[in-house]
Amino acid sequence: MKNVKCTFVKLIAALALAFSFTIVVQSFTTNTSTVQTVQAAKKSKLSKSEKAAKHWIAMHESGGSYTARNGVCYGRYQLNIGYLHGNYSKKNQEKTADNYVKGRYGSWVNAKKFWLAHHWY
């Protein structure tokens, strides 16, 4: 009888451990999935018309080059080098350009409209 109780207790402990492990794995999988969804949303937050306007500006400002220079302006979007804070990476140019346009024009479409009227943005 003692051996049956001991085996039963071990079986219950093993089941509890397996259940706990399953919960941890599900939690990790859910968190990883959430992070991937958020990252994907950040990358694709611009509409087609916004992406098109952004590309149009890049092509007219620098021919699309991340290393183009014109006086104090640098990169794909010809940003003032002061805005880039010494970080000329593609990632920083994209982020800085998005922030600049959002703050000044509200959207890339509006920035393009301004560019068409003034030949700069």
Protein backbone atom coordinates (compact mmCIF):
# COMPACT_ATOMS: atom_id res chain seq x y z
CA MET A 1 0.00 0.00 0.00
CA LYS A 2 2.89 2.33 0.80
CA ASN A 3 4.42 1.76 -2.65
CA VAL A 4 1.11 2.56 -4.35
CA LYS A 5 0.83 5.88 -2.44
CA CYS A 6 4.45 6.75 -3.28
CA THR A 7 3.90 5.94 -6.97
CA PHE A 8 0.65 7.92 -6.98
CA VAL A 9 2.36 10.98 -5.42
CA LYS A 10 5.19 10.74 -7.99
CA LEU A 11 2.66 10.50 -10.81
CA ILE A 12 0.77 13.58 -9.56
CA ALA A 13 4.06 15.51 -9.20
CA ALA A 14 5.10 14.53 -12.73
CA LEU A 15 1.75 15.63 -14.16
CA ALA A 16 1.94 18.95 -12.30
CA LEU A 17 5.47 19.53 -13.61
CA ALA A 18 4.41 18.68 -17.18
CA PHE A 19 1.40 21.03 -16.91
CA SER A 20 3.62 23.85 -15.60
CA PHE A 21 6.09 23.33 -18.44
CA THR A 22 3.24 23.48 -20.99
CA ILE A 23 2.02 26.78 -19.53
CA VAL A 24 5.53 28.28 -19.69
CA VAL A 25 6.01 27.20 -23.32
CA GLN A 26 2.61 28.61 -24.31
CA SER A 27 3.39 31.89 -22.56
CA PHE A 28 6.77 32.17 -24.29
CA THR A 29 5.23 31.38 -27.68
CA THR A 30 2.50 34.00 -27.16
CA ASN A 31 5.03 36.66 -26.13
CA THR A 32 7.26 35.90 -29.11
CA SER A 33 4.29 36.06 -31.46
CA THR A 34 3.21 39.41 -29.99
CA VAL A 35 6.71 40.86 -30.40
CA GLN A 36 6.85 39.70 -34.03
CA THR A 37 3.42 41.22 -34.72
CA VAL A 38 4.45 44.56 -33.21
CA GLN A 39 7.70 44.58 -35.20
CA ALA A 40 5.82 43.82 -38.42
CA ALA A 41 3.36 46.63 -37.68
CA LYS A 42 6.21 49.10 -37.20
CA LYS A 43 7.76 48.18 -40.54
CA SER A 44 4.54 48.46 -42.55
CA LYS A 45 2.77 51.40 -40.93
CA LEU A 46 2.77 53.54 -44.09
CA SER A 47 -0.03 53.20 -46.62
CA LYS A 48 0.76 52.62 -50.30
CA SER A 49 0.27 56.31 -51.09
CA GLU A 50 2.54 57.32 -48.20
CA LYS A 51 5.24 54.87 -49.31
CA ALA A 52 4.94 56.15 -52.87
CA ALA A 53 5.26 59.79 -51.78
CA LYS A 54 8.24 58.93 -49.56
CA HIS A 55 9.96 57.13 -52.43
CA TRP A 56 9.19 60.01 -54.80
CA ILE A 57 10.81 62.51 -52.43
CA ALA A 58 13.86 60.29 -51.96
CA MET A 59 14.34 59.98 -55.69
CA HIS A 60 14.01 63.73 -56.25
CA GLU A 61 16.23 64.69 -53.31
CA SER A 62 19.12 62.23 -53.73
CA GLY A 63 18.33 59.80 -56.51
CA GLY A 64 17.69 57.34 -53.69
CA SER A 65 21.28 57.43 -52.40
CA TYR A 66 21.87 57.15 -48.65
CA THR A 67 25.28 58.82 -49.09
CA ALA A 68 24.31 61.83 -51.24
CA ARG A 69 25.58 65.15 -49.93
CA ASN A 70 24.64 68.74 -50.74
CA GLY A 71 26.13 71.32 -48.40
CA VAL A 72 24.81 70.62 -44.92
CA CYS A 73 22.24 68.12 -46.19
CA TYR A 74 22.98 64.42 -46.27
CA GLY A 75 21.51 61.12 -47.34
CA ARG A 76 18.47 59.71 -49.08
CA TYR A 77 16.12 62.46 -47.83
CA GLN A 78 18.71 65.27 -47.80
CA LEU A 79 18.24 65.93 -44.10
CA ASN A 80 20.25 68.56 -42.30
CA ILE A 81 23.21 66.65 -40.83
CA GLY A 82 22.34 68.09 -37.42
CA TYR A 83 19.09 66.09 -37.43
CA LEU A 84 21.06 62.84 -37.79
CA HIS A 85 23.23 63.48 -34.69
CA GLY A 86 26.27 61.86 -36.29
CA ASN A 87 24.44 58.61 -37.10
CA TYR A 88 24.28 58.36 -40.90
CA SER A 89 22.95 54.78 -40.99
CA LYS A 90 20.07 53.86 -43.29
CA LYS A 91 17.93 52.98 -40.29
CA ASN A 92 18.51 56.36 -38.63
CA GLN A 93 17.92 58.25 -41.88
CA GLU A 94 14.58 56.47 -42.34
CA LYS A 95 13.50 57.05 -38.74
CA THR A 96 14.63 60.67 -38.73
CA ALA A 97 12.96 61.42 -42.07
CA ASP A 98 9.70 59.85 -40.87
CA ASN A 99 9.79 61.92 -37.68
CA TYR A 100 10.68 65.12 -39.54
CA VAL A 101 7.89 64.70 -42.09
CA LYS A 102 5.32 63.72 -39.47
CA GLY A 103 6.19 66.75 -37.35
CA ARG A 104 6.37 69.28 -40.17
CA TYR A 105 3.79 68.09 -42.71
CA GLY A 106 1.78 65.38 -40.98
CA SER A 107 2.32 62.91 -43.81
CA TRP A 108 4.57 62.06 -46.74
CA VAL A 109 1.72 62.90 -49.13
CA ASN A 110 1.56 66.43 -47.69
CA ALA A 111 5.35 66.71 -47.85
CA LYS A 112 5.26 65.78 -51.55
CA LYS A 113 2.57 68.40 -52.21
CA PHE A 114 4.79 71.00 -50.52
CA TRP A 115 7.81 69.80 -52.53
CA LEU A 116 5.87 70.14 -55.79
CA ALA A 117 4.98 73.74 -54.92
CA HIS A 118 8.42 74.79 -53.58
CA HIS A 119 10.96 72.26 -54.94
CA TRP A 120 12.11 71.44 -51.42
CA TYR A 121 10.48 70.05 -48.30
